[in-house]
Every structure is written in C-alpha cells, then in structure tokens.
C-alpha cells in the first residue's frame, strides 16, 4: 500500500510533459499548484523571506493528473516540495501566510 502524499514523505512520481515529475526537483524548493494565477513565480523565495530558489509549477502545465497527489490535491491546493523531493507541506487551499510559514519551517526559520 502506497503512503498518502502528506508532509514528510517523498512526493509521488509521475510522468509529466518533458519527463518525470521528480526530475524537476533538486535545485531548490518547488511549489506545485493547481492555480498558478494565485502565486507570482518571480522572486518567490525573496518575497517569502528566504534565500533559496523557489520554482512554481502548475500541475496543468506539467500535464500532471491531480490524482497522483492524492486527496490533498483539490482545485486550489498547494504542495511544497523540498529539494530532496520530500513534501514539506500540503495546503488544501492557497494562503500566502500558510505557504510562507511552511517554507520558513522547511528552511529552519
């Protein structure tokens, strides 16, 4: 039985446009979003007060089926993935405050 995609477990892998989802991890944090209009990707790390790269990837642009990310992947959900591919946070809906808190916790602030 596969573990549910919750904080602390490795993000499920899946085929996406241009390869595999986990191939997109490693340079910094990745924010997987259902609605990219909610987050401006430019300089997101600096906006959130951390000195780490943060890349925003829209699940629809990746061709990623939300079912891969489990029940936490709703129409407004946000998944924060650490550079090592583990989930740092699964937010049921976008909240700048919750995302900032999760990123700060993930980098030890």
PDB file of N, CA and C in Angstrom:
ATOM      1  N   UNK A   1       0.840  -1.180   0.000  1.00  0.00           N
ATOM      2  CA  UNK A   1       0.000   0.000   0.000  1.00  0.00           C
ATOM      3  C   UNK A   1       0.889   1.249   0.000  1.00  0.00           C
ATOM      4  N   UNK A   2       0.641   2.156  -0.917  1.00  0.00           N
ATOM      5  CA  UNK A   2       1.433   3.381  -1.013  1.00  0.00           C
ATOM      6  C   UNK A   2       1.046   4.351   0.096  1.00  0.00           C
ATOM      7  N   UNK A   3       2.048   5.088   0.572  1.00  0.00           N
ATOM      8  CA  UNK A   3       1.780   6.104   1.583  1.00  0.00           C
ATOM      9  C   UNK A   3       1.026   7.264   0.944  1.00  0.00           C
ATOM     10  N   UNK A   4       0.119   7.875   1.700  1.00  0.00           N
ATOM     11  CA  UNK A   4      -0.554   9.054   1.146  1.00  0.00           C
ATOM     12  C   UNK A   4       0.449  10.204   1.049  1.00  0.00           C
ATOM     13  N   UNK A   5       0.272  11.087   0.083  1.00  0.00           N
ATOM     14  CA  UNK A   5       1.211  12.206  -0.056  1.00  0.00           C
ATOM     15  C   UNK A   5       0.959  13.276   1.014  1.00  0.00           C
ATOM     16  N   UNK A   6       1.597  13.092   2.151  1.00  0.00           N
ATOM     17  CA  UNK A   6       1.486  14.012   3.269  1.00  0.00           C
ATOM     18  C   UNK A   6       2.880  14.545   3.592  1.00  0.00           C
ATOM     19  N   UNK A   7       2.970  15.656   4.336  1.00  0.00           N
ATOM     20  CA  UNK A   7       4.288  16.186   4.673  1.00  0.00           C
ATOM     21  C   UNK A   7       5.199  15.128   5.285  1.00  0.00           C
ATOM     22  N   UNK A   8       6.441  15.129   4.836  1.00  0.00           N
ATOM     23  CA  UNK A   8       7.441  14.200   5.351  1.00  0.00           C
ATOM     24  C   UNK A   8       7.705  13.016   4.447  1.00  0.00           C
ATOM     25  N   UNK A   9       6.784  12.700   3.547  1.00  0.00           N
ATOM     26  CA  UNK A   9       7.006  11.575   2.633  1.00  0.00           C
ATOM     27  C   UNK A   9       7.503  12.114   1.297  1.00  0.00           C
ATOM     28  N   UNK A  10       8.114  11.240   0.522  1.00  0.00           N
ATOM     29  CA  UNK A  10       8.608  11.665  -0.786  1.00  0.00           C
ATOM     30  C   UNK A  10       7.415  11.925  -1.704  1.00  0.00           C
ATOM     31  N   UNK A  11       7.519  12.965  -2.491  1.00  0.00           N
ATOM     32  CA  UNK A  11       6.453  13.319  -3.417  1.00  0.00           C
ATOM     33  C   UNK A  11       6.270  12.197  -4.425  1.00  0.00           C
ATOM     34  N   UNK A  12       5.041  11.794  -4.695  1.00  0.00           N
ATOM     35  CA  UNK A  12       4.833  10.749  -5.690  1.00  0.00           C
ATOM     36  C   UNK A  12       5.432  11.157  -7.034  1.00  0.00           C
ATOM     37  N   UNK A  13       5.949  10.198  -7.751  1.00  0.00           N
ATOM     38  CA  UNK A  13       6.488  10.469  -9.075  1.00  0.00           C
ATOM     39  C   UNK A  13       5.405  10.177 -10.102  1.00  0.00           C
ATOM     40  N   UNK A  14       5.500  10.821 -11.227  1.00  0.00           N
ATOM     41  CA  UNK A  14       4.520  10.602 -12.288  1.00  0.00           C
ATOM     42  C   UNK A  14       5.094  11.121 -13.591  1.00  0.00           C
ATOM     43  N   UNK A  15       4.615  10.583 -14.699  1.00  0.00           N
ATOM     44  CA  UNK A  15       5.039  11.157 -15.970  1.00  0.00           C
ATOM     45  C   UNK A  15       4.430  12.550 -16.135  1.00  0.00           C
ATOM     46  N   UNK A  16       5.238  13.475 -16.609  1.00  0.00           N
ATOM     47  CA  UNK A  16       4.780  14.830 -16.924  1.00  0.00           C
ATOM     48  C   UNK A  16       5.356  15.197 -18.284  1.00  0.00           C
ATOM     49  N   UNK A  17       4.877  16.279 -18.837  1.00  0.00           N
ATOM     50  CA  UNK A  17       5.426  16.733 -20.118  1.00  0.00           C
ATOM     51  C   UNK A  17       6.928  16.942 -19.960  1.00  0.00           C
ATOM     52  N   UNK A  18       7.704  16.327 -20.803  1.00  0.00           N
ATOM     53  CA  UNK A  18       9.150  16.508 -20.767  1.00  0.00           C
ATOM     54  C   UNK A  18       9.879  15.572 -19.830  1.00  0.00           C
ATOM     55  N   UNK A  19       9.237  14.534 -19.296  1.00  0.00           N
ATOM     56  CA  UNK A  19       9.946  13.586 -18.438  1.00  0.00           C
ATOM     57  C   UNK A  19       9.132  13.100 -17.263  1.00  0.00           C
ATOM     58  N   UNK A  20       9.764  13.144 -16.102  1.00  0.00           N
ATOM     59  CA  UNK A  20       9.149  12.671 -14.858  1.00  0.00           C
ATOM     60  C   UNK A  20       9.107  13.823 -13.868  1.00  0.00           C
ATOM     61  N   UNK A  21       8.115  13.794 -12.979  1.00  0.00           N
ATOM     62  CA  UNK A  21       7.950  14.867 -12.004  1.00  0.00           C
ATOM     63  C   UNK A  21       9.186  15.035 -11.138  1.00  0.00           C
ATOM     64  N   UNK A  22       9.709  13.947 -10.602  1.00  0.00           N
ATOM     65  CA  UNK A  22      10.854  14.054  -9.678  1.00  0.00           C
ATOM     66  C   UNK A  22      12.113  14.581 -10.360  1.00  0.00           C
ATOM     67  N   UNK A  23      12.176  14.530 -11.679  1.00  0.00           N
ATOM     68  CA  UNK A  23      13.318  15.118 -12.388  1.00  0.00           C
ATOM     69  C   UNK A  23      13.315  16.638 -12.267  1.00  0.00           C
ATOM     70  N   UNK A  24      12.196  17.233 -11.874  1.00  0.00           N
ATOM     71  CA  UNK A  24      12.085  18.679 -11.739  1.00  0.00           C
ATOM     72  C   UNK A  24      12.573  19.163 -10.375  1.00  0.00           C
ATOM     73  N   UNK A  25      12.891  18.232  -9.471  1.00  0.00           N
ATOM     74  CA  UNK A  25      13.321  18.599  -8.124  1.00  0.00           C
ATOM     75  C   UNK A  25      14.845  18.623  -8.034  1.00  0.00           C
ATOM     76  N   UNK A  26      15.366  19.358  -7.038  1.00  0.00           N
ATOM     77  CA  UNK A  26      16.786  19.299  -6.756  1.00  0.00           C
ATOM     78  C   UNK A  26      17.494  20.635  -6.665  1.00  0.00           C
ATOM     79  N   UNK A  27      17.094  21.632  -7.440  1.00  0.00           N
ATOM     80  CA  UNK A  27      17.790  22.916  -7.424  1.00  0.00           C
ATOM     81  C   UNK A  27      17.316  23.810  -6.278  1.00  0.00           C
ATOM     82  N   UNK A  28      16.122  23.598  -5.816  1.00  0.00           N
ATOM     83  CA  UNK A  28      15.536  24.415  -4.756  1.00  0.00           C
ATOM     84  C   UNK A  28      14.173  23.860  -4.417  1.00  0.00           C
ATOM     85  N   UNK A  29      13.371  24.658  -3.773  1.00  0.00           N
ATOM     86  CA  UNK A  29      12.014  24.244  -3.442  1.00  0.00           C
ATOM     87  C   UNK A  29      11.139  24.354  -4.684  1.00  0.00           C
ATOM     88  N   UNK A  30      10.136  23.499  -4.753  1.00  0.00           N
ATOM     89  CA  UNK A  30       9.161  23.532  -5.833  1.00  0.00           C
ATOM     90  C   UNK A  30       7.785  23.659  -5.199  1.00  0.00           C
ATOM     91  N   UNK A  31       6.984  24.556  -5.743  1.00  0.00           N
ATOM     92  CA  UNK A  31       5.605  24.711  -5.310  1.00  0.00           C
ATOM     93  C   UNK A  31       4.727  24.197  -6.442  1.00  0.00           C
ATOM     94  N   UNK A  32       4.003  23.118  -6.187  1.00  0.00           N
ATOM     95  CA  UNK A  32       3.067  22.566  -7.160  1.00  0.00           C
ATOM     96  C   UNK A  32       1.696  23.155  -6.883  1.00  0.00           C
ATOM     97  N   UNK A  33       1.144  23.820  -7.865  1.00  0.00           N
ATOM     98  CA  UNK A  33      -0.130  24.498  -7.661  1.00  0.00           C
ATOM     99  C   UNK A  33      -1.146  24.080  -8.702  1.00  0.00           C
ATOM    100  N   UNK A  34      -2.400  24.123  -8.310  1.00  0.00           N
ATOM    101  CA  UNK A  34      -3.481  23.887  -9.263  1.00  0.00           C
ATOM    102  C   UNK A  34      -3.793  25.175 -10.012  1.00  0.00           C
ATOM    103  N   UNK A  35      -3.667  26.295  -9.321  1.00  0.00           N
ATOM    104  CA  UNK A  35      -3.998  27.598  -9.911  1.00  0.00           C
ATOM    105  C   UNK A  35      -2.783  28.516  -9.857  1.00  0.00           C
ATOM    106  N   UNK A  36      -1.991  28.541 -10.935  1.00  0.00           N
ATOM    107  CA  UNK A  36      -0.765  29.350 -10.925  1.00  0.00           C
ATOM    108  C   UNK A  36      -1.023  30.847 -10.821  1.00  0.00           C
ATOM    109  N   UNK A  37      -2.238  31.300 -11.125  1.00  0.00           N
ATOM    110  CA  UNK A  37      -2.549  32.721 -11.020  1.00  0.00           C
ATOM    111  C   UNK A  37      -2.525  33.208  -9.575  1.00  0.00           C
ATOM    112  N   UNK A  38      -2.530  32.280  -8.620  1.00  0.00           N
ATOM    113  CA  UNK A  38      -2.515  32.658  -7.204  1.00  0.00           C
ATOM    114  C   UNK A  38      -1.118  33.038  -6.709  1.00  0.00           C
ATOM    115  N   UNK A  39      -0.072  32.587  -7.413  1.00  0.00           N
ATOM    116  CA  UNK A  39       1.293  32.808  -6.938  1.00  0.00           C
ATOM    117  C   UNK A  39       2.129  33.385  -8.069  1.00  0.00           C
ATOM    118  N   UNK A  40       2.742  34.521  -7.834  1.00  0.00           N
ATOM    119  CA  UNK A  40       3.664  35.094  -8.815  1.00  0.00           C
ATOM    120  C   UNK A  40       5.003  34.384  -8.663  1.00  0.00           C
ATOM    121  N   UNK A  41       5.463  33.654  -9.687  1.00  0.00           N
ATOM    122  CA  UNK A  41       6.680  32.875  -9.533  1.00  0.00           C
ATOM    123  C   UNK A  41       7.959  33.688  -9.434  1.00  0.00           C
ATOM    124  N   UNK A  42       7.989  34.893  -9.967  1.00  0.00           N
ATOM    125  CA  UNK A  42       9.219  35.676  -9.971  1.00  0.00           C
ATOM    126  C   UNK A  42       9.639  36.029  -8.552  1.00  0.00           C
ATOM    127  N   UNK A  43      10.856  35.660  -8.207  1.00  0.00           N
ATOM    128  CA  UNK A  43      11.471  36.013  -6.918  1.00  0.00           C
ATOM    129  C   UNK A  43      10.630  35.566  -5.729  1.00  0.00           C
ATOM    130  N   UNK A  44       9.985  34.423  -5.845  1.00  0.00           N
ATOM    131  CA  UNK A  44       9.111  33.966  -4.767  1.00  0.00           C
ATOM    132  C   UNK A  44       9.881  33.751  -3.464  1.00  0.00           C
ATOM    133  N   UNK A  45      11.076  33.171  -3.543  1.00  0.00           N
ATOM    134  CA  UNK A  45      11.854  32.954  -2.332  1.00  0.00           C
ATOM    135  C   UNK A  45      12.124  34.254  -1.600  1.00  0.00           C
ATOM    136  N   UNK A  46      12.532  35.290  -2.332  1.00  0.00           N
ATOM    137  CA  UNK A  46      12.801  36.586  -1.713  1.00  0.00           C
ATOM    138  C   UNK A  46      11.524  37.197  -1.143  1.00  0.00           C
ATOM    139  N   UNK A  47      10.410  37.041  -1.865  1.00  0.00           N
ATOM    140  CA  UNK A  47       9.139  37.578  -1.379  1.00  0.00           C
ATOM    141  C   UNK A  47       8.715  36.906  -0.081  1.00  0.00           C
ATOM    142  N   UNK A  48       9.066  35.629   0.076  1.00  0.00           N
ATOM    143  CA  UNK A  48       8.684  34.896   1.274  1.00  0.00           C
ATOM    144  C   UNK A  48       9.738  34.984   2.369  1.00  0.00           C
ATOM    145  N   UNK A  49      10.798  35.741   2.122  1.00  0.00           N
ATOM    146  CA  UNK A  49      11.798  35.977   3.149  1.00  0.00           C
ATOM    147  C   UNK A  49      12.810  34.867   3.341  1.00  0.00           C
ATOM    148  N   UNK A  50      13.077  34.084   2.307  1.00  0.00           N
ATOM    149  CA  UNK A  50      14.094  33.045   2.399  1.00  0.00           C
ATOM    150  C   UNK A  50      15.062  33.177   1.233  1.00  0.00           C
ATOM    151  N   UNK A  51      16.287  32.787   1.476  1.00  0.00           N
ATOM    152  CA  UNK A  51      17.323  32.892   0.458  1.00  0.00           C
ATOM    153  C   UNK A  51      17.527  31.543  -0.223  1.00  0.00           C
ATOM    154  N   UNK A  52      16.463  31.002  -0.773  1.00  0.00           N
ATOM    155  CA  UNK A  52      16.530  29.733  -1.504  1.00  0.00           C
ATOM    156  C   UNK A  52      15.700  29.879  -2.772  1.00  0.00           C
ATOM    157  N   UNK A  53      16.083  29.179  -3.834  1.00  0.00           N
ATOM    158  CA  UNK A  53      15.252  29.246  -5.033  1.00  0.00           C
ATOM    159  C   UNK A  53      13.936  28.522  -4.828  1.00  0.00           C
ATOM    160  N   UNK A  54      12.871  29.114  -5.339  1.00  0.00           N
ATOM    161  CA  UNK A  54      11.550  28.518  -5.276  1.00  0.00           C
ATOM    162  C   UNK A  54      10.955  28.599  -6.680  1.00  0.00           C
ATOM    163  N   UNK A  55      10.587  27.452  -7.237  1.00  0.00           N
ATOM    164  CA  UNK A  55      10.005  27.400  -8.570  1.00  0.00           C
ATOM    165  C   UNK A  55       8.537  27.015  -8.447  1.00  0.00           C
ATOM    166  N   UNK A  56       7.691  27.718  -9.161  1.00  0.00           N
ATOM    167  CA  UNK A  56       6.265  27.412  -9.164  1.00  0.00           C
ATOM    168  C   UNK A  56       5.946  26.620 -10.425  1.00  0.00           C
ATOM    169  N   UNK A  57       5.342  25.456 -10.251  1.00  0.00           N
ATOM    170  CA  UNK A  57       4.949  24.618 -11.379  1.00  0.00           C
ATOM    171  C   UNK A  57       3.450  24.380 -11.321  1.00  0.00           C
ATOM    172  N   UNK A  58       2.770  24.732 -12.394  1.00  0.00           N
ATOM    173  CA  UNK A  58       1.331  24.484 -12.472  1.00  0.00           C
ATOM    174  C   UNK A  58       1.114  23.037 -12.873  1.00  0.00           C
ATOM    175  N   UNK A  59       0.298  22.338 -12.133  1.00  0.00           N
ATOM    176  CA  UNK A  59       0.046  20.934 -12.434  1.00  0.00           C
ATOM    177  C   UNK A  59      -0.519  20.764 -13.836  1.00  0.00           C
ATOM    178  N   UNK A  60      -1.370  21.688 -14.265  1.00  0.00           N
ATOM    179  CA  UNK A  60      -1.958  21.572 -15.602  1.00  0.00           C
ATOM    180  C   UNK A  60      -0.895  21.754 -16.691  1.00  0.00           C
ATOM    181  N   UNK A  61       0.073  22.649 -16.467  1.00  0.00           N
ATOM    182  CA  UNK A  61       1.132  22.866 -17.450  1.00  0.00           C
ATOM    183  C   UNK A  61       2.053  21.664 -17.539  1.00  0.00           C
ATOM    184  N   UNK A  62       2.187  20.938 -16.449  1.00  0.00           N
ATOM    185  CA  UNK A  62       3.013  19.737 -16.434  1.00  0.00           C
ATOM    186  C   UNK A  62       2.287  18.549 -17.051  1.00  0.00           C
ATOM    187  N   UNK A  63       0.976  18.660 -17.161  1.00  0.00           N
ATOM    188  CA  UNK A  63       0.191  17.505 -17.588  1.00  0.00           C
ATOM    189  C   UNK A  63       0.051  16.501 -16.453  1.00  0.00           C
ATOM    190  N   UNK A  64       0.174  16.975 -15.209  1.00  0.00           N
ATOM    191  CA  UNK A  64       0.130  16.113 -14.033  1.00  0.00           C
ATOM    192  C   UNK A  64      -1.304  15.898 -13.589  1.00  0.00           C
ATOM    193  N   UNK A  65      -1.691  14.667 -13.497  1.00  0.00           N
ATOM    194  CA  UNK A  65      -3.026  14.312 -13.022  1.00  0.00           C
ATOM    195  C   UNK A  65      -3.069  14.555 -11.516  1.00  0.00           C
ATOM    196  N   UNK A  66      -4.033  15.324 -11.061  1.00  0.00           N
ATOM    197  CA  UNK A  66      -4.146  15.640  -9.632  1.00  0.00           C
ATOM    198  C   UNK A  66      -4.284  14.391  -8.779  1.00  0.00           C
ATOM    199  N   UNK A  67      -4.782  13.300  -9.345  1.00  0.00           N
ATOM    200  CA  UNK A  67      -4.946  12.064  -8.580  1.00  0.00           C
ATOM    201  C   UNK A  67      -3.612  11.544  -8.064  1.00  0.00           C
ATOM    202  N   UNK A  68      -2.523  11.861  -8.756  1.00  0.00           N
ATOM    203  CA  UNK A  68      -1.190  11.431  -8.320  1.00  0.00           C
ATOM    204  C   UNK A  68      -0.876  11.992  -6.935  1.00  0.00           C
ATOM    205  N   UNK A  69      -1.339  13.207  -6.668  1.00  0.00           N
ATOM    206  CA  UNK A  69      -1.048  13.863  -5.401  1.00  0.00           C
ATOM    207  C   UNK A  69      -2.072  13.562  -4.321  1.00  0.00           C
ATOM    208  N   UNK A  70      -3.025  12.707  -4.605  1.00  0.00           N
ATOM    209  CA  UNK A  70      -3.951  12.234  -3.589  1.00  0.00           C
ATOM    210  C   UNK A  70      -5.077  13.194  -3.272  1.00  0.00           C
ATOM    211  N   UNK A  71      -5.746  12.905  -2.165  1.00  0.00           N
ATOM    212  CA  UNK A  71      -6.927  13.668  -1.775  1.00  0.00           C
ATOM    213  C   UNK A  71      -6.615  15.118  -1.453  1.00  0.00           C
ATOM    214  N   UNK A  72      -5.361  15.427  -1.116  1.00  0.00           N
ATOM    215  CA  UNK A  72      -4.990  16.808  -0.805  1.00  0.00           C
ATOM    216  C   UNK A  72      -4.889  17.690  -2.028  1.00  0.00           C
ATOM    217  N   UNK A  73      -5.034  17.116  -3.215  1.00  0.00           N
ATOM    218  CA  UNK A  73      -4.889  17.886  -4.448  1.00  0.00           C
ATOM    219  C   UNK A  73      -6.236  18.351  -4.952  1.00  0.00           C
ATOM    220  N   UNK A  74      -6.742  19.390  -4.340  1.00  0.00           N
ATOM    221  CA  UNK A  74      -8.019  19.944  -4.753  1.00  0.00           C
ATOM    222  C   UNK A  74      -7.846  21.041  -5.782  1.00  0.00           C
ATOM    223  N   UNK A  75      -8.921  21.733  -6.090  1.00  0.00           N
ATOM    224  CA  UNK A  75      -8.878  22.749  -7.132  1.00  0.00           C
ATOM    225  C   UNK A  75      -8.064  23.993  -6.771  1.00  0.00           C
ATOM    226  N   UNK A  76      -7.711  24.157  -5.513  1.00  0.00           N
ATOM    227  CA  UNK A  76      -6.938  25.333  -5.087  1.00  0.00           C
ATOM    228  C   UNK A  76      -5.745  24.924  -4.219  1.00  0.00           C
ATOM    229  N   UNK A  77      -5.361  23.656  -4.258  1.00  0.00           N
ATOM    230  CA  UNK A  77      -4.329  23.155  -3.341  1.00  0.00           C
ATOM    231  C   UNK A  77      -2.918  23.559  -3.754  1.00  0.00           C
ATOM    232  N   UNK A  78      -2.026  23.492  -2.766  1.00  0.00           N
ATOM    233  CA  UNK A  78      -0.616  23.842  -2.952  1.00  0.00           C
ATOM    234  C   UNK A  78       0.220  22.768  -2.272  1.00  0.00           C
ATOM    235  N   UNK A  79       1.215  22.238  -2.991  1.00  0.00           N
ATOM    236  CA  UNK A  79       2.153  21.267  -2.428  1.00  0.00           C
ATOM    237  C   UNK A  79       3.545  21.891  -2.458  1.00  0.00           C
ATOM    238  N   UNK A  80       4.192  21.978  -1.314  1.00  0.00           N
ATOM    239  CA  UNK A  80       5.551  22.498  -1.220  1.00  0.00           C
ATOM    240  C   UNK A  80       6.502  21.313  -1.153  1.00  0.00           C
ATOM    241  N   UNK A  81       7.415  21.224  -2.123  1.00  0.00           N
ATOM    242  CA  UNK A  81       8.340  20.102  -2.223  1.00  0.00           C
ATOM    243  C   UNK A  81       9.757  20.593  -1.935  1.00  0.00           C
ATOM    244  N   UNK A  82      10.436  19.916  -1.011  1.00  0.00           N
ATOM    245  CA  UNK A  82      11.828  20.247  -0.684  1.00  0.00           C
ATOM    246  C   UNK A  82      12.739  19.839  -1.838  1.00  0.00           C
ATOM    247  N   UNK A  83      13.968  20.356  -1.880  1.00  0.00           N
ATOM    248  CA  UNK A  83      14.896  19.966  -2.947  1.00  0.00           C
ATOM    249  C   UNK A  83      15.171  18.462  -3.003  1.00  0.00           C
ATOM    250  N   UNK A  84      15.032  17.758  -1.875  1.00  0.00           N
ATOM    251  CA  UNK A  84      15.276  16.307  -1.865  1.00  0.00           C
ATOM    252  C   UNK A  84      14.049  15.507  -2.312  1.00  0.00           C
ATOM    253  N   UNK A  85      12.976  16.190  -2.716  1.00  0.00           N
ATOM    254  CA  UNK A  85      11.797  15.517  -3.229  1.00  0.00           C
ATOM    255  C   UNK A  85      10.749  15.167  -2.192  1.00  0.00           C
ATOM    256  N   UNK A  86      11.006  15.463  -0.928  1.00  0.00           N
ATOM    257  CA  UNK A  86      10.021  15.196   0.116  1.00  0.00           C
ATOM    258  C   UNK A  86       9.048  16.368   0.228  1.00  0.00           C
ATOM    259  N   UNK A  87       7.813  16.056   0.584  1.00  0.00           N
ATOM    260  CA  UNK A  87       6.814  17.100   0.765  1.00  0.00           C
ATOM    261  C   UNK A  87       7.053  17.835   2.072  1.00  0.00           C
ATOM    262  N   UNK A  88       7.164  19.147   1.988  1.00  0.00           N
ATOM    263  CA  UNK A  88       7.308  19.968   3.188  1.00  0.00           C
ATOM    264  C   UNK A  88       5.940  20.399   3.701  1.00  0.00           C
ATOM    265  N   UNK A  89       4.979  20.556   2.791  1.00  0.00           N
ATOM    266  CA  UNK A  89       3.633  20.967   3.202  1.00  0.00           C
ATOM    267  C   UNK A  89       2.637  20.606   2.114  1.00  0.00           C
ATOM    268  N   UNK A  90       1.428  20.302   2.560  1.00  0.00           N
ATOM    269  CA  UNK A  90       0.290  20.102   1.665  1.00  0.00           C
ATOM    270  C   UNK A  90      -0.804  21.027   2.183  1.00  0.00           C
ATOM    271  N   UNK A  91      -1.094  22.067   1.419  1.00  0.00           N
ATOM    272  CA  UNK A  91      -2.087  23.045   1.818  1.00  0.00           C
ATOM    273  C   UNK A  91      -3.359  22.826   0.999  1.00  0.00           C
ATOM    274  N   UNK A  92      -4.498  22.643   1.642  1.00  0.00           N
ATOM    275  CA  UNK A  92      -5.731  22.370   0.904  1.00  0.00           C
ATOM    276  C   UNK A  92      -6.180  23.539   0.035  1.00  0.00           C
ATOM    277  N   UNK A  93      -5.785  24.746   0.417  1.00  0.00           N
ATOM    278  CA  UNK A  93      -6.094  25.917  -0.400  1.00  0.00           C
ATOM    279  C   UNK A  93      -4.953  26.910  -0.265  1.00  0.00           C
ATOM    280  N   UNK A  94      -4.822  27.765  -1.271  1.00  0.00           N
ATOM    281  CA  UNK A  94      -3.725  28.721  -1.253  1.00  0.00           C
ATOM    282  C   UNK A  94      -3.929  29.760  -0.171  1.00  0.00           C
ATOM    283  N   UNK A  95      -2.870  29.995   0.573  1.00  0.00           N
ATOM    284  CA  UNK A  95      -2.808  31.062   1.560  1.00  0.00           C
ATOM    285  C   UNK A  95      -1.361  31.516   1.593  1.00  0.00           C
ATOM    286  N   UNK A  96      -1.114  32.788   1.282  1.00  0.00           N
ATOM    287  CA  UNK A  96       0.255  33.301   1.291  1.00  0.00           C
ATOM    288  C   UNK A  96       0.881  33.120   2.675  1.00  0.00           C
ATOM    289  N   UNK A  97       0.107  33.344   3.709  1.00  0.00           N
ATOM    290  CA  UNK A  97       0.617  33.203   5.074  1.00  0.00           C
ATOM    291  C   UNK A  97       0.995  31.757   5.381  1.00  0.00           C
ATOM    292  N   UNK A  98       0.129  30.822   5.009  1.00  0.00           N
ATOM    293  CA  UNK A  98       0.417  29.406   5.265  1.00  0.00           C
ATOM    294  C   UNK A  98       1.620  28.932   4.453  1.00  0.00           C
ATOM    295  N   UNK A  99       1.740  29.376   3.200  1.00  0.00           N
ATOM    296  CA  UNK A  99       2.887  28.997   2.380  1.00  0.00           C
ATOM    297  C   UNK A  99       4.171  29.578   2.940  1.00  0.00           C
ATOM    298  N   UNK A 100       4.123  30.821   3.377  1.00  0.00           N
ATOM    299  CA  UNK A 100       5.306  31.457   3.994  1.00  0.00           C
ATOM    300  C   UNK A 100       5.712  30.693   5.245  1.00  0.00           C
ATOM    301  N   UNK A 101       4.748  30.377   6.097  1.00  0.00           N
ATOM    302  CA  UNK A 101       5.032  29.627   7.323  1.00  0.00           C
ATOM    303  C   UNK A 101       5.658  28.268   7.007  1.00  0.00           C
ATOM    304  N   UNK A 102       5.099  27.565   6.022  1.00  0.00           N
ATOM    305  CA  UNK A 102       5.615  26.255   5.653  1.00  0.00           C
ATOM    306  C   UNK A 102       7.038  26.350   5.114  1.00  0.00           C
ATOM    307  N   UNK A 103       7.303  27.332   4.281  1.00  0.00           N
ATOM    308  CA  UNK A 103       8.648  27.491   3.722  1.00  0.00           C
ATOM    309  C   UNK A 103       9.645  27.870   4.803  1.00  0.00           C
ATOM    310  N   UNK A 104       9.253  28.758   5.697  1.00  0.00           N
ATOM    311  CA  UNK A 104      10.140  29.137   6.809  1.00  0.00           C
ATOM    312  C   UNK A 104      10.456  27.916   7.684  1.00  0.00           C
ATOM    313  N   UNK A 105       9.436  27.121   7.966  1.00  0.00           N
ATOM    314  CA  UNK A 105       9.658  25.906   8.775  1.00  0.00           C
ATOM    315  C   UNK A 105      10.608  24.951   8.048  1.00  0.00           C
ATOM    316  N   UNK A 106      10.419  24.821   6.745  1.00  0.00           N
ATOM    317  CA  UNK A 106      11.237  23.876   5.959  1.00  0.00           C
ATOM    318  C   UNK A 106      12.704  24.280   5.898  1.00  0.00           C
ATOM    319  N   UNK A 107      12.977  25.583   5.966  1.00  0.00           N
ATOM    320  CA  UNK A 107      14.382  26.028   5.923  1.00  0.00           C
ATOM    321  C   UNK A 107      14.939  26.317   7.307  1.00  0.00           C
ATOM    322  N   UNK A 108      14.140  26.048   8.343  1.00  0.00           N
ATOM    323  CA  UNK A 108      14.633  26.176   9.714  1.00  0.00           C
ATOM    324  C   UNK A 108      14.544  27.556  10.308  1.00  0.00           C
ATOM    325  N   UNK A 109      13.659  28.407   9.796  1.00  0.00           N
ATOM    326  CA  UNK A 109      13.497  29.742  10.374  1.00  0.00           C
ATOM    327  C   UNK A 109      12.420  29.749  11.437  1.00  0.00           C
TER     328      UNK A 109
END
